[in-house]
Amino acid sequence: MTMSSDTIRTVIGIIGNGAALVLFLSPVPTFISIWKKGSVEQYSPIPYVATLLNCMIWVLYGLPLVHQHSMLVITINGTGTAIELAYITLFLLCSTGKTRRKVLLLLAAEVAFVAVVAVLVITLAHTHHRRSMIVGLLGVIFGTGMYAAPLAVMKMVIQTKSVEYMPLSLSLASLVNGICWTTYALLKFDVYITIPNGLGVLFALAQVVIYGIYYKSTKEIIEARKRKADQVAMTEVV
């Protein structure tokens, strides 16, 4: 007995939901560290702000009024929205001054933008095809932005020769998630899901390669920092 393409697509979509959930939860160790230290240090809020915007757009895309038969898209992106809001809340609590104001402004702008898009699309676009096209194009843009956001720290990685603030778990989860959703989209060709996730695979591979290149130097930098801290502590005791 062979499975239909729709059944296979549903199975891969469920696997994709699992992979996306792993992606959304991969920064948990980072935020536990941030919470314990009470500081965001040099961590960038951009990946989490970008992921939130992406999730909200895809929730809109999956609504029956916009694109029918997309419940799997709604469930995982709705979950992602809640998780990213939790991360951003913690980021706000552990940041100060200019950084906190920047995150607040970005958050307010994103919520307002998605609300305006939802109202305009539902009231002015009168067919599912047109609504799917408009929101889908935005999904391509912001989905690509979500996957590309961690690349923002790559300049710092190359300059410092340290991947301390570019978590490997996030890069690996992005890679697996991109592969699953690209496969899902190709089985019943959906160009709006294919493009950002296909690009996401390439971006995630780039991050993994960079991590491999600078992993050894990162360990050396951290060990040197610890030795220096121990020397300072001994000097203070003396």
C-alpha atoms as a PDB file:
ATOM      1  CA  MET A   1       0.000   0.000   0.000  1.00  0.00           C
ATOM      2  CA  THR A   2       1.497   3.346  -1.065  1.00  0.00           C
ATOM      3  CA  MET A   3       0.871   6.662   0.588  1.00  0.00           C
ATOM      4  CA  SER A   4      -0.521   9.539  -1.432  1.00  0.00           C
ATOM      5  CA  SER A   5       1.558  12.679  -1.923  1.00  0.00           C
ATOM      6  CA  ASP A   6      -0.846  14.551   0.383  1.00  0.00           C
ATOM      7  CA  THR A   7      -0.275  11.990   3.154  1.00  0.00           C
ATOM      8  CA  ILE A   8       3.502  12.135   2.704  1.00  0.00           C
ATOM      9  CA  ARG A   9       3.338  15.938   2.748  1.00  0.00           C
ATOM     10  CA  THR A  10       1.315  15.867   5.972  1.00  0.00           C
ATOM     11  CA  VAL A  11       3.816  13.509   7.610  1.00  0.00           C
ATOM     12  CA  ILE A  12       6.737  15.716   6.573  1.00  0.00           C
ATOM     13  CA  GLY A  13       4.793  18.759   7.766  1.00  0.00           C
ATOM     14  CA  ILE A  14       4.419  17.140  11.191  1.00  0.00           C
ATOM     15  CA  ILE A  15       8.152  16.368  11.222  1.00  0.00           C
ATOM     16  CA  GLY A  16       8.725  19.957  10.129  1.00  0.00           C
ATOM     17  CA  ASN A  17       6.625  21.149  13.072  1.00  0.00           C
ATOM     18  CA  GLY A  18       8.877  19.144  15.379  1.00  0.00           C
ATOM     19  CA  ALA A  19      12.018  20.533  13.744  1.00  0.00           C
ATOM     20  CA  ALA A  20      10.667  24.087  13.946  1.00  0.00           C
ATOM     21  CA  LEU A  21       9.823  23.574  17.631  1.00  0.00           C
ATOM     22  CA  VAL A  22      13.416  22.473  18.243  1.00  0.00           C
ATOM     23  CA  LEU A  23      14.542  25.606  16.365  1.00  0.00           C
ATOM     24  CA  PHE A  24      12.350  27.850  18.507  1.00  0.00           C
ATOM     25  CA  LEU A  25      13.523  26.179  21.731  1.00  0.00           C
ATOM     26  CA  SER A  26      17.232  26.021  20.811  1.00  0.00           C
ATOM     27  CA  PRO A  27      18.018  29.446  22.396  1.00  0.00           C
ATOM     28  CA  VAL A  28      16.746  28.270  25.825  1.00  0.00           C
ATOM     29  CA  PRO A  29      20.297  27.616  27.180  1.00  0.00           C
ATOM     30  CA  THR A  30      21.324  31.077  25.984  1.00  0.00           C
ATOM     31  CA  PHE A  31      18.439  32.729  27.820  1.00  0.00           C
ATOM     32  CA  ILE A  32      19.028  30.680  30.972  1.00  0.00           C
ATOM     33  CA  SER A  33      22.576  32.066  30.944  1.00  0.00           C
ATOM     34  CA  ILE A  34      21.286  35.606  30.314  1.00  0.00           C
ATOM     35  CA  TRP A  35      18.795  35.287  33.175  1.00  0.00           C
ATOM     36  CA  LYS A  36      21.398  33.966  35.612  1.00  0.00           C
ATOM     37  CA  LYS A  37      23.877  36.745  34.744  1.00  0.00           C
ATOM     38  CA  GLY A  38      21.161  39.408  34.621  1.00  0.00           C
ATOM     39  CA  SER A  39      22.715  40.783  31.446  1.00  0.00           C
ATOM     40  CA  VAL A  40      22.361  40.213  27.677  1.00  0.00           C
ATOM     41  CA  GLU A  41      26.116  40.886  27.279  1.00  0.00           C
ATOM     42  CA  GLN A  42      26.943  40.886  23.530  1.00  0.00           C
ATOM     43  CA  TYR A  43      24.018  38.713  22.439  1.00  0.00           C
ATOM     44  CA  SER A  44      22.024  40.257  19.610  1.00  0.00           C
ATOM     45  CA  PRO A  45      18.215  40.593  19.831  1.00  0.00           C
ATOM     46  CA  ILE A  46      17.898  40.590  16.024  1.00  0.00           C
ATOM     47  CA  PRO A  47      17.447  36.802  15.533  1.00  0.00           C
ATOM     48  CA  TYR A  48      14.560  36.717  18.028  1.00  0.00           C
ATOM     49  CA  VAL A  49      12.869  39.879  16.753  1.00  0.00           C
ATOM     50  CA  ALA A  50      13.199  38.618  13.161  1.00  0.00           C
ATOM     51  CA  THR A  51      11.816  35.195  14.084  1.00  0.00           C
ATOM     52  CA  LEU A  52       8.829  36.791  15.840  1.00  0.00           C
ATOM     53  CA  LEU A  53       7.941  38.831  12.746  1.00  0.00           C
ATOM     54  CA  ASN A  54       8.321  35.750  10.549  1.00  0.00           C
ATOM     55  CA  CYS A  55       6.049  33.674  12.802  1.00  0.00           C
ATOM     56  CA  MET A  56       3.321  36.329  12.909  1.00  0.00           C
ATOM     57  CA  ILE A  57       3.338  36.660   9.111  1.00  0.00           C
ATOM     58  CA  TRP A  58       3.059  32.885   8.633  1.00  0.00           C
ATOM     59  CA  VAL A  59       0.208  32.654  11.149  1.00  0.00           C
ATOM     60  CA  LEU A  60      -1.583  35.218   8.984  1.00  0.00           C
ATOM     61  CA  TYR A  61      -0.705  33.218   5.838  1.00  0.00           C
ATOM     62  CA  GLY A  62      -2.146  30.020   7.333  1.00  0.00           C
ATOM     63  CA  LEU A  63      -5.513  31.518   8.291  1.00  0.00           C
ATOM     64  CA  PRO A  64      -8.424  29.964   6.305  1.00  0.00           C
ATOM     65  CA  LEU A  65      -9.372  33.466   5.109  1.00  0.00           C
ATOM     66  CA  VAL A  66      -5.941  33.781   3.467  1.00  0.00           C
ATOM     67  CA  HIS A  67      -4.683  30.303   2.532  1.00  0.00           C
ATOM     68  CA  GLN A  68      -6.839  27.223   3.038  1.00  0.00           C
ATOM     69  CA  HIS A  69      -5.693  23.840   4.394  1.00  0.00           C
ATOM     70  CA  SER A  70      -2.659  25.233   6.211  1.00  0.00           C
ATOM     71  CA  MET A  71      -3.324  24.183   9.804  1.00  0.00           C
ATOM     72  CA  LEU A  72       0.215  22.849  10.259  1.00  0.00           C
ATOM     73  CA  VAL A  73       1.561  26.276   9.299  1.00  0.00           C
ATOM     74  CA  ILE A  74      -0.683  27.966  11.881  1.00  0.00           C
ATOM     75  CA  THR A  75       0.065  25.579  14.759  1.00  0.00           C
ATOM     76  CA  ILE A  76       3.843  25.780  14.662  1.00  0.00           C
ATOM     77  CA  ASN A  77       4.040  29.492  13.909  1.00  0.00           C
ATOM     78  CA  GLY A  78       1.487  30.274  16.612  1.00  0.00           C
ATOM     79  CA  THR A  79       3.658  28.320  19.046  1.00  0.00           C
ATOM     80  CA  GLY A  80       6.742  30.112  17.715  1.00  0.00           C
ATOM     81  CA  THR A  81       5.105  33.500  18.266  1.00  0.00           C
ATOM     82  CA  ALA A  82       4.483  32.699  21.938  1.00  0.00           C
ATOM     83  CA  ILE A  83       8.038  31.384  22.455  1.00  0.00           C
ATOM     84  CA  GLU A  84       9.714  34.354  20.767  1.00  0.00           C
ATOM     85  CA  LEU A  85       7.617  36.776  22.820  1.00  0.00           C
ATOM     86  CA  ALA A  86       8.911  35.032  25.949  1.00  0.00           C
ATOM     87  CA  TYR A  87      12.526  35.417  24.751  1.00  0.00           C
ATOM     88  CA  ILE A  88      12.049  39.078  23.899  1.00  0.00           C
ATOM     89  CA  THR A  89      10.441  39.714  27.305  1.00  0.00           C
ATOM     90  CA  LEU A  90      13.482  38.183  29.025  1.00  0.00           C
ATOM     91  CA  PHE A  91      15.785  40.190  26.760  1.00  0.00           C
ATOM     92  CA  LEU A  92      13.990  43.379  27.759  1.00  0.00           C
ATOM     93  CA  LEU A  93      14.201  42.518  31.456  1.00  0.00           C
ATOM     94  CA  CYS A  94      17.962  41.893  31.249  1.00  0.00           C
ATOM     95  CA  SER A  95      18.897  44.808  28.990  1.00  0.00           C
ATOM     96  CA  THR A  96      19.144  48.531  29.637  1.00  0.00           C
ATOM     97  CA  GLY A  97      19.212  51.918  27.964  1.00  0.00           C
ATOM     98  CA  LYS A  98      19.615  52.073  24.200  1.00  0.00           C
ATOM     99  CA  THR A  99      19.358  48.313  23.684  1.00  0.00           C
ATOM    100  CA  ARG A 100      16.070  48.062  25.563  1.00  0.00           C
ATOM    101  CA  ARG A 101      14.562  51.038  23.717  1.00  0.00           C
ATOM    102  CA  LYS A 102      15.615  49.561  20.363  1.00  0.00           C
ATOM    103  CA  VAL A 103      13.937  46.213  21.118  1.00  0.00           C
ATOM    104  CA  LEU A 104      10.745  47.914  22.358  1.00  0.00           C
ATOM    105  CA  LEU A 105      10.515  50.029  19.209  1.00  0.00           C
ATOM    106  CA  LEU A 106      11.088  47.019  16.953  1.00  0.00           C
ATOM    107  CA  LEU A 107       8.469  44.987  18.826  1.00  0.00           C
ATOM    108  CA  ALA A 108       5.850  47.767  18.598  1.00  0.00           C
ATOM    109  CA  ALA A 109       6.605  48.318  14.903  1.00  0.00           C
ATOM    110  CA  GLU A 110       6.251  44.594  14.114  1.00  0.00           C
ATOM    111  CA  VAL A 111       2.918  44.188  15.875  1.00  0.00           C
ATOM    112  CA  ALA A 112       1.537  47.323  14.203  1.00  0.00           C
ATOM    113  CA  PHE A 113       2.822  46.219  10.789  1.00  0.00           C
ATOM    114  CA  VAL A 114       1.253  42.747  10.952  1.00  0.00           C
ATOM    115  CA  ALA A 115      -2.050  44.193  12.194  1.00  0.00           C
ATOM    116  CA  VAL A 116      -2.171  46.693   9.303  1.00  0.00           C
ATOM    117  CA  VAL A 117      -1.281  43.984   6.750  1.00  0.00           C
ATOM    118  CA  ALA A 118      -3.995  41.677   8.111  1.00  0.00           C
ATOM    119  CA  VAL A 119      -6.691  44.348   7.914  1.00  0.00           C
ATOM    120  CA  LEU A 120      -5.700  45.528   4.425  1.00  0.00           C
ATOM    121  CA  VAL A 121      -5.364  42.023   2.955  1.00  0.00           C
ATOM    122  CA  ILE A 122      -8.654  40.731   4.332  1.00  0.00           C
ATOM    123  CA  THR A 123     -10.645  43.840   3.390  1.00  0.00           C
ATOM    124  CA  LEU A 124      -9.082  44.759   0.032  1.00  0.00           C
ATOM    125  CA  ALA A 125      -8.014  41.420  -1.498  1.00  0.00           C
ATOM    126  CA  HIS A 126     -11.160  39.448  -2.320  1.00  0.00           C
ATOM    127  CA  THR A 127      -9.789  36.027  -3.360  1.00  0.00           C
ATOM    128  CA  HIS A 128      -7.709  33.391  -1.592  1.00  0.00           C
ATOM    129  CA  HIS A 129      -5.201  33.460  -4.441  1.00  0.00           C
ATOM    130  CA  ARG A 130      -4.583  37.185  -4.104  1.00  0.00           C
ATOM    131  CA  ARG A 131      -4.440  37.107  -0.311  1.00  0.00           C
ATOM    132  CA  SER A 132      -2.033  34.140  -0.384  1.00  0.00           C
ATOM    133  CA  MET A 133       0.161  35.935  -2.905  1.00  0.00           C
ATOM    134  CA  ILE A 134       0.422  39.153  -0.888  1.00  0.00           C
ATOM    135  CA  VAL A 135       1.064  37.520   2.485  1.00  0.00           C
ATOM    136  CA  GLY A 136       3.203  34.812   0.870  1.00  0.00           C
ATOM    137  CA  LEU A 137       5.524  37.398  -0.666  1.00  0.00           C
ATOM    138  CA  LEU A 138       5.911  39.021   2.734  1.00  0.00           C
ATOM    139  CA  GLY A 139       6.575  35.562   4.162  1.00  0.00           C
ATOM    140  CA  VAL A 140       9.372  35.069   1.646  1.00  0.00           C
ATOM    141  CA  ILE A 141      10.969  38.363   2.691  1.00  0.00           C
ATOM    142  CA  PHE A 142      10.660  37.892   6.453  1.00  0.00           C
ATOM    143  CA  GLY A 143      11.302  34.144   6.378  1.00  0.00           C
ATOM    144  CA  THR A 144      14.564  34.836   4.594  1.00  0.00           C
ATOM    145  CA  GLY A 145      15.262  37.557   7.165  1.00  0.00           C
ATOM    146  CA  MET A 146      14.709  35.101  10.021  1.00  0.00           C
ATOM    147  CA  TYR A 147      17.233  32.636   8.629  1.00  0.00           C
ATOM    148  CA  ALA A 148      19.699  35.398   7.728  1.00  0.00           C
ATOM    149  CA  ALA A 149      19.429  37.199  11.086  1.00  0.00           C
ATOM    150  CA  PRO A 150      22.098  35.081  12.861  1.00  0.00           C
ATOM    151  CA  LEU A 151      24.491  36.073  10.075  1.00  0.00           C
ATOM    152  CA  ALA A 152      24.502  39.541  11.666  1.00  0.00           C
ATOM    153  CA  VAL A 153      26.915  38.233  14.296  1.00  0.00           C
ATOM    154  CA  MET A 154      29.230  36.639  11.717  1.00  0.00           C
ATOM    155  CA  LYS A 155      31.159  39.885  11.243  1.00  0.00           C
ATOM    156  CA  MET A 156      31.893  39.921  14.966  1.00  0.00           C
ATOM    157  CA  VAL A 157      32.806  36.214  14.817  1.00  0.00           C
ATOM    158  CA  ILE A 158      35.337  36.815  12.039  1.00  0.00           C
ATOM    159  CA  GLN A 159      36.776  39.892  13.777  1.00  0.00           C
ATOM    160  CA  THR A 160      37.112  38.231  17.191  1.00  0.00           C
ATOM    161  CA  LYS A 161      37.776  34.679  15.901  1.00  0.00           C
ATOM    162  CA  SER A 162      35.226  33.551  18.499  1.00  0.00           C
ATOM    163  CA  VAL A 163      31.819  31.885  18.095  1.00  0.00           C
ATOM    164  CA  GLU A 164      30.969  32.355  21.765  1.00  0.00           C
ATOM    165  CA  TYR A 165      27.928  34.486  20.909  1.00  0.00           C
ATOM    166  CA  MET A 166      26.779  32.457  17.879  1.00  0.00           C
ATOM    167  CA  PRO A 167      25.143  29.346  19.404  1.00  0.00           C
ATOM    168  CA  LEU A 168      25.676  26.154  17.372  1.00  0.00           C
ATOM    169  CA  SER A 169      22.311  24.773  18.517  1.00  0.00           C
ATOM    170  CA  LEU A 170      20.491  27.605  16.749  1.00  0.00           C
ATOM    171  CA  SER A 171      22.421  27.046  13.503  1.00  0.00           C
ATOM    172  CA  LEU A 172      21.837  23.270  13.498  1.00  0.00           C
ATOM    173  CA  ALA A 173      18.148  23.655  14.319  1.00  0.00           C
ATOM    174  CA  SER A 174      17.813  26.186  11.475  1.00  0.00           C
ATOM    175  CA  LEU A 175      19.433  23.704   9.083  1.00  0.00           C
ATOM    176  CA  VAL A 176      17.124  20.805   9.976  1.00  0.00           C
ATOM    177  CA  ASN A 177      14.061  23.052   9.985  1.00  0.00           C
ATOM    178  CA  GLY A 178      14.934  24.484   6.564  1.00  0.00           C
ATOM    179  CA  ILE A 179      15.407  21.025   5.051  1.00  0.00           C
ATOM    180  CA  CYS A 180      12.049  19.759   6.408  1.00  0.00           C
ATOM    181  CA  TRP A 181       9.995  22.738   5.246  1.00  0.00           C
ATOM    182  CA  THR A 182      11.697  22.906   1.843  1.00  0.00           C
ATOM    183  CA  THR A 183      10.750  19.250   1.307  1.00  0.00           C
ATOM    184  CA  TYR A 184       7.197  19.934   2.528  1.00  0.00           C
ATOM    185  CA  ALA A 185       6.818  22.841   0.095  1.00  0.00           C
ATOM    186  CA  LEU A 186       8.245  20.959  -2.889  1.00  0.00           C
ATOM    187  CA  LEU A 187       5.866  17.990  -2.553  1.00  0.00           C
ATOM    188  CA  LYS A 188       2.908  20.214  -3.397  1.00  0.00           C
ATOM    189  CA  PHE A 189       4.817  23.136  -4.821  1.00  0.00           C
ATOM    190  CA  ASP A 190       4.371  26.242  -2.702  1.00  0.00           C
ATOM    191  CA  VAL A 191       6.856  28.839  -3.913  1.00  0.00           C
ATOM    192  CA  TYR A 192       6.290  31.075  -0.888  1.00  0.00           C
ATOM    193  CA  ILE A 193       7.418  28.363   1.548  1.00  0.00           C
ATOM    194  CA  THR A 194      10.117  26.963  -0.757  1.00  0.00           C
ATOM    195  CA  ILE A 195      12.159  30.145  -1.283  1.00  0.00           C
ATOM    196  CA  PRO A 196      12.808  31.255   2.325  1.00  0.00           C
ATOM    197  CA  ASN A 197      13.393  27.724   3.591  1.00  0.00           C
ATOM    198  CA  GLY A 198      15.675  26.836   0.666  1.00  0.00           C
ATOM    199  CA  LEU A 199      17.719  29.955   1.361  1.00  0.00           C
ATOM    200  CA  GLY A 200      17.554  29.083   5.054  1.00  0.00           C
ATOM    201  CA  VAL A 201      19.357  25.815   4.364  1.00  0.00           C
ATOM    202  CA  LEU A 202      22.198  27.726   2.674  1.00  0.00           C
ATOM    203  CA  PHE A 203      22.423  30.336   5.454  1.00  0.00           C
ATOM    204  CA  ALA A 204      22.452  27.669   8.164  1.00  0.00           C
ATOM    205  CA  LEU A 205      25.177  25.726   6.357  1.00  0.00           C
ATOM    206  CA  ALA A 206      27.266  28.912   6.228  1.00  0.00           C
ATOM    207  CA  GLN A 207      26.848  29.356   9.998  1.00  0.00           C
ATOM    208  CA  VAL A 208      27.844  25.749  10.711  1.00  0.00           C
ATOM    209  CA  VAL A 209      30.956  26.105   8.518  1.00  0.00           C
ATOM    210  CA  ILE A 210      31.943  29.348  10.300  1.00  0.00           C
ATOM    211  CA  TYR A 211      31.414  27.639  13.664  1.00  0.00           C
ATOM    212  CA  GLY A 212      33.698  24.790  12.623  1.00  0.00           C
ATOM    213  CA  ILE A 213      36.400  27.212  11.458  1.00  0.00           C
ATOM    214  CA  TYR A 214      36.496  29.228  14.688  1.00  0.00           C
ATOM    215  CA  TYR A 215      35.594  26.555  17.272  1.00  0.00           C
ATOM    216  CA  LYS A 216      39.233  25.849  18.246  1.00  0.00           C
ATOM    217  CA  SER A 217      40.197  29.521  18.540  1.00  0.00           C
ATOM    218  CA  THR A 218      37.076  30.143  20.661  1.00  0.00           C
ATOM    219  CA  LYS A 219      38.181  27.526  23.201  1.00  0.00           C
ATOM    220  CA  GLU A 220      41.646  29.095  23.326  1.00  0.00           C
ATOM    221  CA  ILE A 221      40.163  32.581  23.910  1.00  0.00           C
ATOM    222  CA  ILE A 222      37.890  31.337  26.718  1.00  0.00           C
ATOM    223  CA  GLU A 223      40.765  29.451  28.395  1.00  0.00           C
ATOM    224  CA  ALA A 224      43.005  32.527  28.157  1.00  0.00           C
ATOM    225  CA  ARG A 225      40.267  34.632  29.736  1.00  0.00           C
ATOM    226  CA  LYS A 226      39.922  32.159  32.610  1.00  0.00           C
ATOM    227  CA  ARG A 227      43.692  32.133  33.217  1.00  0.00           C
ATOM    228  CA  LYS A 228      43.738  35.932  33.291  1.00  0.00           C
ATOM    229  CA  ALA A 229      40.799  35.994  35.737  1.00  0.00           C
ATOM    230  CA  ASP A 230      42.588  33.489  37.998  1.00  0.00           C
ATOM    231  CA  GLN A 231      45.772  35.600  37.923  1.00  0.00           C
ATOM    232  CA  VAL A 232      43.815  38.736  38.854  1.00  0.00           C
ATOM    233  CA  ALA A 233      42.117  36.863  41.702  1.00  0.00           C
ATOM    234  CA  MET A 234      45.474  35.644  43.051  1.00  0.00           C
ATOM    235  CA  THR A 235      46.943  39.155  42.823  1.00  0.00           C
ATOM    236  CA  GLU A 236      44.029  40.525  44.827  1.00  0.00           C
ATOM    237  CA  VAL A 237      44.519  37.857  47.498  1.00  0.00           C
ATOM    238  CA  VAL A 238      48.227  38.696  47.752  1.00  0.00           C
END
